Amino acid sequence: MKTQSFEEKLEHSKELLEKLMNPEITLEESVKLYEEGLKNIKEAQTLIEEAKTKISIIDQANQNVENE
């Protein structure tokens, strides 16, 4: 299975939210969607943290080059 990008995870989260708002879904389905949504959001947060780390490393490298 292909790893989803941050944007794909965000879109998937929106789709899950729309499904959760449907008054006709069962409690069991609601819990399943909620659990999937939390997992999806945690994965998206991990991608954000990884991006922040990369940006920090790039900024530090750039500062080192400027100081030389």
PDB file of N, CA and C in Angstrom:
ATOM      1  N   MET A   1       0.839  -1.192   0.000  1.00  0.00           N
ATOM      2  CA  MET A   1       0.000   0.000   0.000  1.00  0.00           C
ATOM      3  C   MET A   1       0.882   1.253   0.000  1.00  0.00           C
ATOM      4  N   LYS A   2       0.550   2.206  -0.859  1.00  0.00           N
ATOM      5  CA  LYS A   2       1.311   3.444  -0.987  1.00  0.00           C
ATOM      6  C   LYS A   2       1.137   4.303   0.264  1.00  0.00           C
ATOM      7  N   THR A   3       2.232   4.886   0.730  1.00  0.00           N
ATOM      8  CA  THR A   3       2.170   5.794   1.871  1.00  0.00           C
ATOM      9  C   THR A   3       1.483   7.084   1.436  1.00  0.00           C
ATOM     10  N   GLN A   4       0.535   7.534   2.239  1.00  0.00           N
ATOM     11  CA  GLN A   4      -0.196   8.755   1.916  1.00  0.00           C
ATOM     12  C   GLN A   4       0.620   9.987   2.291  1.00  0.00           C
ATOM     13  N   SER A   5       0.493  11.019   1.474  1.00  0.00           N
ATOM     14  CA  SER A   5       1.118  12.301   1.790  1.00  0.00           C
ATOM     15  C   SER A   5       0.295  12.992   2.876  1.00  0.00           C
ATOM     16  N   PHE A   6       0.849  14.064   3.414  1.00  0.00           N
ATOM     17  CA  PHE A   6       0.128  14.846   4.422  1.00  0.00           C
ATOM     18  C   PHE A   6      -1.210  15.325   3.862  1.00  0.00           C
ATOM     19  N   GLU A   7      -1.173  15.826   2.640  1.00  0.00           N
ATOM     20  CA  GLU A   7      -2.389  16.352   2.027  1.00  0.00           C
ATOM     21  C   GLU A   7      -3.439  15.252   1.834  1.00  0.00           C
ATOM     22  N   GLU A   8      -2.990  14.067   1.450  1.00  0.00           N
ATOM     23  CA  GLU A   8      -3.918  12.940   1.296  1.00  0.00           C
ATOM     24  C   GLU A   8      -4.520  12.539   2.645  1.00  0.00           C
ATOM     25  N   LYS A   9      -3.697  12.561   3.684  1.00  0.00           N
ATOM     26  CA  LYS A   9      -4.196  12.236   5.025  1.00  0.00           C
ATOM     27  C   LYS A   9      -5.221  13.270   5.481  1.00  0.00           C
ATOM     28  N   LEU A  10      -4.971  14.524   5.180  1.00  0.00           N
ATOM     29  CA  LEU A  10      -5.906  15.588   5.531  1.00  0.00           C
ATOM     30  C   LEU A  10      -7.236  15.393   4.803  1.00  0.00           C
ATOM     31  N   GLU A  11      -7.163  15.088   3.526  1.00  0.00           N
ATOM     32  CA  GLU A  11      -8.376  14.857   2.742  1.00  0.00           C
ATOM     33  C   GLU A  11      -9.137  13.638   3.263  1.00  0.00           C
ATOM     34  N   HIS A  12      -8.414  12.588   3.598  1.00  0.00           N
ATOM     35  CA  HIS A  12      -9.046  11.380   4.139  1.00  0.00           C
ATOM     36  C   HIS A  12      -9.732  11.693   5.473  1.00  0.00           C
ATOM     37  N   SER A  13      -9.107  12.518   6.283  1.00  0.00           N
ATOM     38  CA  SER A  13      -9.707  12.913   7.562  1.00  0.00           C
ATOM     39  C   SER A  13     -11.018  13.663   7.337  1.00  0.00           C
ATOM     40  N   LYS A  14     -11.044  14.522   6.328  1.00  0.00           N
ATOM     41  CA  LYS A  14     -12.276  15.248   6.002  1.00  0.00           C
ATOM     42  C   LYS A  14     -13.378  14.279   5.574  1.00  0.00           C
ATOM     43  N   GLU A  15     -13.002  13.272   4.783  1.00  0.00           N
ATOM     44  CA  GLU A  15     -13.978  12.270   4.343  1.00  0.00           C
ATOM     45  C   GLU A  15     -14.533  11.490   5.535  1.00  0.00           C
ATOM     46  N   LEU A  16     -13.656  11.128   6.465  1.00  0.00           N
ATOM     47  CA  LEU A  16     -14.100  10.406   7.658  1.00  0.00           C
ATOM     48  C   LEU A  16     -15.056  11.259   8.480  1.00  0.00           C
ATOM     49  N   LEU A  17     -14.742  12.540   8.601  1.00  0.00           N
ATOM     50  CA  LEU A  17     -15.602  13.448   9.359  1.00  0.00           C
ATOM     51  C   LEU A  17     -16.988  13.546   8.725  1.00  0.00           C
ATOM     52  N   GLU A  18     -17.020  13.630   7.401  1.00  0.00           N
ATOM     53  CA  GLU A  18     -18.311  13.681   6.707  1.00  0.00           C
ATOM     54  C   GLU A  18     -19.127  12.421   6.989  1.00  0.00           C
ATOM     55  N   LYS A  19     -18.469  11.265   6.966  1.00  0.00           N
ATOM     56  CA  LYS A  19     -19.162  10.008   7.255  1.00  0.00           C
ATOM     57  C   LYS A  19     -19.670   9.987   8.692  1.00  0.00           C
ATOM     58  N   LEU A  20     -18.863  10.501   9.621  1.00  0.00           N
ATOM     59  CA  LEU A  20     -19.267  10.530  11.027  1.00  0.00           C
ATOM     60  C   LEU A  20     -20.486  11.424  11.260  1.00  0.00           C
ATOM     61  N   MET A  21     -20.657  12.416  10.423  1.00  0.00           N
ATOM     62  CA  MET A  21     -21.774  13.346  10.582  1.00  0.00           C
ATOM     63  C   MET A  21     -23.091  12.768  10.058  1.00  0.00           C
ATOM     64  N   ASN A  22     -23.027  11.632   9.390  1.00  0.00           N
ATOM     65  CA  ASN A  22     -24.231  10.985   8.868  1.00  0.00           C
ATOM     66  C   ASN A  22     -25.024  10.384  10.028  1.00  0.00           C
ATOM     67  N   PRO A  23     -26.241  10.848  10.254  1.00  0.00           N
ATOM     68  CA  PRO A  23     -27.018  10.344  11.395  1.00  0.00           C
ATOM     69  C   PRO A  23     -27.474   8.889  11.238  1.00  0.00           C
ATOM     70  N   GLU A  24     -27.305   8.328  10.052  1.00  0.00           N
ATOM     71  CA  GLU A  24     -27.773   6.968   9.811  1.00  0.00           C
ATOM     72  C   GLU A  24     -26.724   5.890  10.091  1.00  0.00           C
ATOM     73  N   ILE A  25     -25.484   6.274  10.387  1.00  0.00           N
ATOM     74  CA  ILE A  25     -24.482   5.239  10.646  1.00  0.00           C
ATOM     75  C   ILE A  25     -24.666   4.678  12.054  1.00  0.00           C
ATOM     76  N   THR A  26     -24.242   3.448  12.195  1.00  0.00           N
ATOM     77  CA  THR A  26     -24.403   2.768  13.483  1.00  0.00           C
ATOM     78  C   THR A  26     -23.338   3.234  14.471  1.00  0.00           C
ATOM     79  N   LEU A  27     -23.578   2.937  15.725  1.00  0.00           N
ATOM     80  CA  LEU A  27     -22.607   3.258  16.768  1.00  0.00           C
ATOM     81  C   LEU A  27     -21.290   2.537  16.493  1.00  0.00           C
ATOM     82  N   GLU A  28     -21.384   1.274  16.111  1.00  0.00           N
ATOM     83  CA  GLU A  28     -20.177   0.490  15.822  1.00  0.00           C
ATOM     84  C   GLU A  28     -19.372   1.118  14.686  1.00  0.00           C
ATOM     85  N   GLU A  29     -20.057   1.533  13.636  1.00  0.00           N
ATOM     86  CA  GLU A  29     -19.383   2.180  12.510  1.00  0.00           C
ATOM     87  C   GLU A  29     -18.790   3.523  12.938  1.00  0.00           C
ATOM     88  N   SER A  30     -19.495   4.260  13.779  1.00  0.00           N
ATOM     89  CA  SER A  30     -18.985   5.542  14.279  1.00  0.00           C
ATOM     90  C   SER A  30     -17.678   5.355  15.037  1.00  0.00           C
ATOM     91  N   VAL A  31     -17.644   4.346  15.901  1.00  0.00           N
ATOM     92  CA  VAL A  31     -16.431   4.078  16.683  1.00  0.00           C
ATOM     93  C   VAL A  31     -15.287   3.686  15.752  1.00  0.00           C
ATOM     94  N   LYS A  32     -15.580   2.863  14.754  1.00  0.00           N
ATOM     95  CA  LYS A  32     -14.557   2.439  13.790  1.00  0.00           C
ATOM     96  C   LYS A  32     -13.993   3.648  13.031  1.00  0.00           C
ATOM     97  N   LEU A  33     -14.875   4.519  12.569  1.00  0.00           N
ATOM     98  CA  LEU A  33     -14.440   5.714  11.839  1.00  0.00           C
ATOM     99  C   LEU A  33     -13.646   6.657  12.734  1.00  0.00           C
ATOM    100  N   TYR A  34     -14.084   6.805  13.976  1.00  0.00           N
ATOM    101  CA  TYR A  34     -13.387   7.663  14.935  1.00  0.00           C
ATOM    102  C   TYR A  34     -11.971   7.145  15.172  1.00  0.00           C
ATOM    103  N   GLU A  35     -11.858   5.842  15.375  1.00  0.00           N
ATOM    104  CA  GLU A  35     -10.549   5.228  15.604  1.00  0.00           C
ATOM    105  C   GLU A  35      -9.643   5.412  14.389  1.00  0.00           C
ATOM    106  N   GLU A  36     -10.193   5.203  13.208  1.00  0.00           N
ATOM    107  CA  GLU A  36      -9.419   5.389  11.978  1.00  0.00           C
ATOM    108  C   GLU A  36      -8.986   6.844  11.823  1.00  0.00           C
ATOM    109  N   GLY A  37      -9.882   7.758  12.173  1.00  0.00           N
ATOM    110  CA  GLY A  37      -9.565   9.179  12.083  1.00  0.00           C
ATOM    111  C   GLY A  37      -8.436   9.582  13.012  1.00  0.00           C
ATOM    112  N   LEU A  38      -8.469   9.083  14.250  1.00  0.00           N
ATOM    113  CA  LEU A  38      -7.391   9.394  15.201  1.00  0.00           C
ATOM    114  C   LEU A  38      -6.049   8.865  14.706  1.00  0.00           C
ATOM    115  N   LYS A  39      -6.053   7.650  14.183  1.00  0.00           N
ATOM    116  CA  LYS A  39      -4.821   7.056  13.645  1.00  0.00           C
ATOM    117  C   LYS A  39      -4.295   7.913  12.492  1.00  0.00           C
ATOM    118  N   ASN A  40      -5.194   8.324  11.629  1.00  0.00           N
ATOM    119  CA  ASN A  40      -4.830   9.134  10.473  1.00  0.00           C
ATOM    120  C   ASN A  40      -4.243  10.478  10.901  1.00  0.00           C
ATOM    121  N   ILE A  41      -4.845  11.113  11.897  1.00  0.00           N
ATOM    122  CA  ILE A  41      -4.366  12.409  12.381  1.00  0.00           C
ATOM    123  C   ILE A  41      -3.000  12.271  13.051  1.00  0.00           C
ATOM    124  N   LYS A  42      -2.799  11.208  13.815  1.00  0.00           N
ATOM    125  CA  LYS A  42      -1.489  10.990  14.447  1.00  0.00           C
ATOM    126  C   LYS A  42      -0.407  10.819  13.389  1.00  0.00           C
ATOM    127  N   GLU A  43      -0.731  10.096  12.317  1.00  0.00           N
ATOM    128  CA  GLU A  43       0.238   9.920  11.233  1.00  0.00           C
ATOM    129  C   GLU A  43       0.534  11.254  10.553  1.00  0.00           C
ATOM    130  N   ALA A  44      -0.482  12.087  10.379  1.00  0.00           N
ATOM    131  CA  ALA A  44      -0.286  13.409   9.777  1.00  0.00           C
ATOM    132  C   ALA A  44       0.581  14.287  10.682  1.00  0.00           C
ATOM    133  N   GLN A  45       0.353  14.207  11.990  1.00  0.00           N
ATOM    134  CA  GLN A  45       1.173  14.972  12.937  1.00  0.00           C
ATOM    135  C   GLN A  45       2.632  14.527  12.872  1.00  0.00           C
ATOM    136  N   THR A  46       2.858  13.243  12.701  1.00  0.00           N
ATOM    137  CA  THR A  46       4.222  12.732  12.564  1.00  0.00           C
ATOM    138  C   THR A  46       4.883  13.319  11.321  1.00  0.00           C
ATOM    139  N   LEU A  47       4.135  13.394  10.226  1.00  0.00           N
ATOM    140  CA  LEU A  47       4.682  13.983   9.001  1.00  0.00           C
ATOM    141  C   LEU A  47       5.035  15.456   9.210  1.00  0.00           C
ATOM    142  N   ILE A  48       4.213  16.182   9.961  1.00  0.00           N
ATOM    143  CA  ILE A  48       4.500  17.591  10.254  1.00  0.00           C
ATOM    144  C   ILE A  48       5.773  17.706  11.087  1.00  0.00           C
ATOM    145  N   GLU A  49       5.909  16.869  12.100  1.00  0.00           N
ATOM    146  CA  GLU A  49       7.105  16.905  12.949  1.00  0.00           C
ATOM    147  C   GLU A  49       8.359  16.581  12.135  1.00  0.00           C
ATOM    148  N   GLU A  50       8.259  15.617  11.223  1.00  0.00           N
ATOM    149  CA  GLU A  50       9.400  15.280  10.369  1.00  0.00           C
ATOM    150  C   GLU A  50       9.770  16.458   9.474  1.00  0.00           C
ATOM    151  N   ALA A  51       8.770  17.147   8.951  1.00  0.00           N
ATOM    152  CA  ALA A  51       9.030  18.313   8.102  1.00  0.00           C
ATOM    153  C   ALA A  51       9.685  19.434   8.907  1.00  0.00           C
ATOM    154  N   LYS A  52       9.212  19.662  10.128  1.00  0.00           N
ATOM    155  CA  LYS A  52       9.820  20.681  10.997  1.00  0.00           C
ATOM    156  C   LYS A  52      11.288  20.362  11.264  1.00  0.00           C
ATOM    157  N   THR A  53      11.574  19.098  11.522  1.00  0.00           N
ATOM    158  CA  THR A  53      12.952  18.681  11.791  1.00  0.00           C
ATOM    159  C   THR A  53      13.832  18.930  10.573  1.00  0.00           C
ATOM    160  N   LYS A  54      13.338  18.565   9.393  1.00  0.00           N
ATOM    161  CA  LYS A  54      14.106  18.781   8.161  1.00  0.00           C
ATOM    162  C   LYS A  54      14.377  20.268   7.937  1.00  0.00           C
ATOM    163  N   ILE A  55      13.355  21.100   8.156  1.00  0.00           N
ATOM    164  CA  ILE A  55      13.516  22.546   7.973  1.00  0.00           C
ATOM    165  C   ILE A  55      14.537  23.098   8.961  1.00  0.00           C
ATOM    166  N   SER A  56      14.495  22.631  10.184  1.00  0.00           N
ATOM    167  CA  SER A  56      15.449  23.073  11.201  1.00  0.00           C
ATOM    168  C   SER A  56      16.875  22.712  10.799  1.00  0.00           C
ATOM    169  N   ILE A  57      17.065  21.499  10.300  1.00  0.00           N
ATOM    170  CA  ILE A  57      18.394  21.055   9.858  1.00  0.00           C
ATOM    171  C   ILE A  57      18.876  21.912   8.692  1.00  0.00           C
ATOM    172  N   ILE A  58      17.990  22.194   7.749  1.00  0.00           N
ATOM    173  CA  ILE A  58      18.356  23.024   6.596  1.00  0.00           C
ATOM    174  C   ILE A  58      18.722  24.430   7.052  1.00  0.00           C
ATOM    175  N   ASP A  59      17.926  24.998   7.961  1.00  0.00           N
ATOM    176  CA  ASP A  59      18.220  26.340   8.478  1.00  0.00           C
ATOM    177  C   ASP A  59      19.569  26.386   9.189  1.00  0.00           C
ATOM    178  N   GLN A  60      19.863  25.369   9.996  1.00  0.00           N
ATOM    179  CA  GLN A  60      21.148  25.322  10.702  1.00  0.00           C
ATOM    180  C   GLN A  60      22.303  25.212   9.717  1.00  0.00           C
ATOM    181  N   ALA A  61      22.145  24.390   8.694  1.00  0.00           N
ATOM    182  CA  ALA A  61      23.194  24.247   7.686  1.00  0.00           C
ATOM    183  C   ALA A  61      23.394  25.559   6.942  1.00  0.00           C
ATOM    184  N   ASN A  62      22.313  26.252   6.652  1.00  0.00           N
ATOM    185  CA  ASN A  62      22.387  27.525   5.954  1.00  0.00           C
ATOM    186  C   ASN A  62      23.085  28.576   6.816  1.00  0.00           C
ATOM    187  N   GLN A  63      22.798  28.596   8.112  1.00  0.00           N
ATOM    188  CA  GLN A  63      23.456  29.540   9.011  1.00  0.00           C
ATOM    189  C   GLN A  63      24.952  29.250   9.095  1.00  0.00           C
ATOM    190  N   ASN A  64      25.314  27.980   9.107  1.00  0.00           N
ATOM    191  CA  ASN A  64      26.731  27.614   9.152  1.00  0.00           C
ATOM    192  C   ASN A  64      27.456  28.085   7.904  1.00  0.00           C
ATOM    193  N   VAL A  65      26.817  27.978   6.750  1.00  0.00           N
ATOM    194  CA  VAL A  65      27.423  28.431   5.496  1.00  0.00           C
ATOM    195  C   VAL A  65      27.567  29.946   5.508  1.00  0.00           C
ATOM    196  N   GLU A  66      26.565  30.660   5.999  1.00  0.00           N
ATOM    197  CA  GLU A  66      26.615  32.122   6.048  1.00  0.00           C
ATOM    198  C   GLU A  66      27.685  32.619   7.011  1.00  0.00           C
ATOM    199  N   ASN A  67      27.954  31.875   8.066  1.00  0.00           N
ATOM    200  CA  ASN A  67      28.938  32.288   9.066  1.00  0.00           C
ATOM    201  C   ASN A  67      30.373  31.980   8.654  1.00  0.00           C
ATOM    202  N   GLU A  68      30.550  31.266   7.578  1.00  0.00           N
ATOM    203  CA  GLU A  68      31.923  30.920   7.149  1.00  0.00           C
ATOM    204  C   GLU A  68      32.556  32.030   6.365  1.00  0.00           C
TER     205      GLU A  68
END
